[in-house]
Amino acid sequence: MTENPTTAAILDRHIVIDPDICHGQPHLAGHRIRVQDIAVWHERLGMGVVEICADYGLSLAEVYAALTYYFDYKDEIDRDIAADQTYFEAFKQNNPSLLQEKLKTLRGR
């Protein structure tokens, strides 16, 4: 399937990859919101497109461009999401919440 040049131009306008922003991950132009963030919000947390737009001050075109990019590169972006989750879990293990520790102390556990 050949790519429609008009579609490519629209995605190029909304989705950028800059090694100095978001660690080189695809993100929305003019924002530090990664494509994978929008994918997680929509696909895993069940947020609607309009809700994402309202919560993060984005246009419908930006959110749909991010979702289009996500589905075009789904395997790669899903690997990035899994890597972030693994990093987060390891960080939580090595850096317990001070609030949770204080609550345990107050509860006598």
C-alpha atoms as a PDB file:
ATOM      1  CA  MET A   1       0.000   0.000   0.000  1.00  0.00           C
ATOM      2  CA  THR A   2       1.450   3.372  -0.945  1.00  0.00           C
ATOM      3  CA  GLU A   3       1.297   6.215   1.495  1.00  0.00           C
ATOM      4  CA  ASN A   4      -0.853   9.162   0.559  1.00  0.00           C
ATOM      5  CA  PRO A   5       1.455  12.238   0.482  1.00  0.00           C
ATOM      6  CA  THR A   6      -1.273  14.384   2.034  1.00  0.00           C
ATOM      7  CA  THR A   7      -1.636  12.000   4.980  1.00  0.00           C
ATOM      8  CA  ALA A   8       2.134  11.906   5.462  1.00  0.00           C
ATOM      9  CA  ALA A   9       2.280  15.705   5.549  1.00  0.00           C
ATOM     10  CA  ILE A  10      -0.470  15.852   8.158  1.00  0.00           C
ATOM     11  CA  LEU A  11       1.294  13.330  10.407  1.00  0.00           C
ATOM     12  CA  ASP A  12       4.613  15.163   9.914  1.00  0.00           C
ATOM     13  CA  ARG A  13       2.936  18.356  11.051  1.00  0.00           C
ATOM     14  CA  HIS A  14       1.628  16.784  14.267  1.00  0.00           C
ATOM     15  CA  ILE A  15       4.110  14.027  15.158  1.00  0.00           C
ATOM     16  CA  VAL A  16       7.804  14.775  15.524  1.00  0.00           C
ATOM     17  CA  ILE A  17      10.888  12.922  16.655  1.00  0.00           C
ATOM     18  CA  ASP A  18      13.615  15.077  18.152  1.00  0.00           C
ATOM     19  CA  PRO A  19      16.496  13.457  20.032  1.00  0.00           C
ATOM     20  CA  ASP A  20      16.489  16.385  22.485  1.00  0.00           C
ATOM     21  CA  ILE A  21      12.785  16.083  23.377  1.00  0.00           C
ATOM     22  CA  CYS A  22      11.125  13.115  25.118  1.00  0.00           C
ATOM     23  CA  HIS A  23      14.336  11.076  24.745  1.00  0.00           C
ATOM     24  CA  GLY A  24      13.820  10.916  20.989  1.00  0.00           C
ATOM     25  CA  GLN A  25      10.425   9.253  21.203  1.00  0.00           C
ATOM     26  CA  PRO A  26       7.640  10.335  18.819  1.00  0.00           C
ATOM     27  CA  HIS A  27       5.592  13.110  20.387  1.00  0.00           C
ATOM     28  CA  LEU A  28       3.143  15.846  19.498  1.00  0.00           C
ATOM     29  CA  ALA A  29       4.750  18.893  17.942  1.00  0.00           C
ATOM     30  CA  GLY A  30       4.858  21.751  20.427  1.00  0.00           C
ATOM     31  CA  HIS A  31       4.135  19.451  23.381  1.00  0.00           C
ATOM     32  CA  ARG A  32       6.013  16.977  25.536  1.00  0.00           C
ATOM     33  CA  ILE A  33       3.202  14.481  25.142  1.00  0.00           C
ATOM     34  CA  ARG A  34       4.437  11.260  23.603  1.00  0.00           C
ATOM     35  CA  VAL A  35       2.453   9.150  21.176  1.00  0.00           C
ATOM     36  CA  GLN A  36       2.678   6.335  23.709  1.00  0.00           C
ATOM     37  CA  ASP A  37       1.062   8.541  26.379  1.00  0.00           C
ATOM     38  CA  ILE A  38      -1.983   9.085  24.180  1.00  0.00           C
ATOM     39  CA  ALA A  39      -2.058   5.375  23.286  1.00  0.00           C
ATOM     40  CA  VAL A  40      -2.071   4.423  26.982  1.00  0.00           C
ATOM     41  CA  TRP A  41      -4.763   6.952  27.842  1.00  0.00           C
ATOM     42  CA  HIS A  42      -6.988   5.828  24.981  1.00  0.00           C
ATOM     43  CA  GLU A  43      -6.326   2.099  24.655  1.00  0.00           C
ATOM     44  CA  ARG A  44      -5.538   1.059  28.217  1.00  0.00           C
ATOM     45  CA  LEU A  45      -7.303   3.627  30.402  1.00  0.00           C
ATOM     46  CA  GLY A  46     -10.344   3.932  28.138  1.00  0.00           C
ATOM     47  CA  MET A  47     -10.242   7.706  27.756  1.00  0.00           C
ATOM     48  CA  GLY A  48     -12.161   9.033  24.774  1.00  0.00           C
ATOM     49  CA  VAL A  49     -10.549  11.268  22.178  1.00  0.00           C
ATOM     50  CA  VAL A  50     -12.602  14.287  23.258  1.00  0.00           C
ATOM     51  CA  GLU A  51     -11.691  13.660  26.903  1.00  0.00           C
ATOM     52  CA  ILE A  52      -7.978  13.548  26.043  1.00  0.00           C
ATOM     53  CA  CYS A  53      -8.343  16.795  24.106  1.00  0.00           C
ATOM     54  CA  ALA A  54     -10.097  18.512  26.994  1.00  0.00           C
ATOM     55  CA  ASP A  55      -7.782  17.216  29.716  1.00  0.00           C
ATOM     56  CA  TYR A  56      -4.542  18.086  27.911  1.00  0.00           C
ATOM     57  CA  GLY A  57      -5.479  21.064  25.723  1.00  0.00           C
ATOM     58  CA  LEU A  58      -5.028  19.196  22.443  1.00  0.00           C
ATOM     59  CA  SER A  59      -6.870  19.369  19.159  1.00  0.00           C
ATOM     60  CA  LEU A  60      -8.772  16.442  17.690  1.00  0.00           C
ATOM     61  CA  ALA A  61      -6.270  16.396  14.825  1.00  0.00           C
ATOM     62  CA  GLU A  62      -3.347  16.035  17.239  1.00  0.00           C
ATOM     63  CA  VAL A  63      -4.927  13.143  19.129  1.00  0.00           C
ATOM     64  CA  TYR A  64      -6.038  11.337  15.977  1.00  0.00           C
ATOM     65  CA  ALA A  65      -2.579  11.829  14.438  1.00  0.00           C
ATOM     66  CA  ALA A  66      -1.007  10.294  17.554  1.00  0.00           C
ATOM     67  CA  LEU A  67      -3.392   7.333  17.456  1.00  0.00           C
ATOM     68  CA  THR A  68      -2.752   6.853  13.736  1.00  0.00           C
ATOM     69  CA  TYR A  69       0.990   6.877  14.372  1.00  0.00           C
ATOM     70  CA  TYR A  70       0.522   4.444  17.253  1.00  0.00           C
ATOM     71  CA  PHE A  71      -1.370   1.925  15.140  1.00  0.00           C
ATOM     72  CA  ASP A  72       1.203   2.254  12.339  1.00  0.00           C
ATOM     73  CA  TYR A  73       4.038   1.460  14.786  1.00  0.00           C
ATOM     74  CA  LYS A  74       2.090  -0.484  17.406  1.00  0.00           C
ATOM     75  CA  ASP A  75       4.638  -3.233  18.134  1.00  0.00           C
ATOM     76  CA  GLU A  76       7.487  -0.770  18.626  1.00  0.00           C
ATOM     77  CA  ILE A  77       5.470   1.601  20.802  1.00  0.00           C
ATOM     78  CA  ASP A  78       4.026  -1.266  22.857  1.00  0.00           C
ATOM     79  CA  ARG A  79       7.618  -2.367  23.578  1.00  0.00           C
ATOM     80  CA  ASP A  80       8.409   1.183  24.749  1.00  0.00           C
ATOM     81  CA  ILE A  81       5.328   1.153  26.986  1.00  0.00           C
ATOM     82  CA  ALA A  82       6.369  -2.203  28.484  1.00  0.00           C
ATOM     83  CA  ALA A  83       9.931  -0.939  29.059  1.00  0.00           C
ATOM     84  CA  ASP A  84       8.598   2.155  30.841  1.00  0.00           C
ATOM     85  CA  GLN A  85       6.366  -0.028  33.021  1.00  0.00           C
ATOM     86  CA  THR A  86       9.308  -2.281  33.933  1.00  0.00           C
ATOM     87  CA  TYR A  87      11.416   0.761  34.807  1.00  0.00           C
ATOM     88  CA  PHE A  88       8.594   2.218  36.911  1.00  0.00           C
ATOM     89  CA  GLU A  89       8.075  -1.023  38.852  1.00  0.00           C
ATOM     90  CA  ALA A  90      11.828  -1.318  39.565  1.00  0.00           C
ATOM     91  CA  PHE A  91      11.915   2.326  40.662  1.00  0.00           C
ATOM     92  CA  LYS A  92       9.002   1.762  43.052  1.00  0.00           C
ATOM     93  CA  GLN A  93      10.745  -1.271  44.549  1.00  0.00           C
ATOM     94  CA  ASN A  94      13.955   0.683  45.147  1.00  0.00           C
ATOM     95  CA  ASN A  95      12.301   3.928  46.277  1.00  0.00           C
ATOM     96  CA  PRO A  96       9.421   3.247  48.649  1.00  0.00           C
ATOM     97  CA  SER A  97       6.887   5.979  49.169  1.00  0.00           C
ATOM     98  CA  LEU A  98       7.719   8.090  52.218  1.00  0.00           C
ATOM     99  CA  LEU A  99       4.006   8.639  52.754  1.00  0.00           C
ATOM    100  CA  GLN A 100       3.287   4.898  52.684  1.00  0.00           C
ATOM    101  CA  GLU A 101       6.151   4.271  55.113  1.00  0.00           C
ATOM    102  CA  LYS A 102       4.805   6.947  57.469  1.00  0.00           C
ATOM    103  CA  LEU A 103       1.290   5.503  57.272  1.00  0.00           C
ATOM    104  CA  LYS A 104       2.630   2.031  58.104  1.00  0.00           C
ATOM    105  CA  THR A 105       4.420   3.488  61.129  1.00  0.00           C
ATOM    106  CA  LEU A 106       1.267   5.295  62.289  1.00  0.00           C
ATOM    107  CA  ARG A 107      -0.802   2.140  61.882  1.00  0.00           C
ATOM    108  CA  GLY A 108       1.757   0.110  63.829  1.00  0.00           C
ATOM    109  CA  ARG A 109       2.725  -2.233  61.003  1.00  0.00           C
END
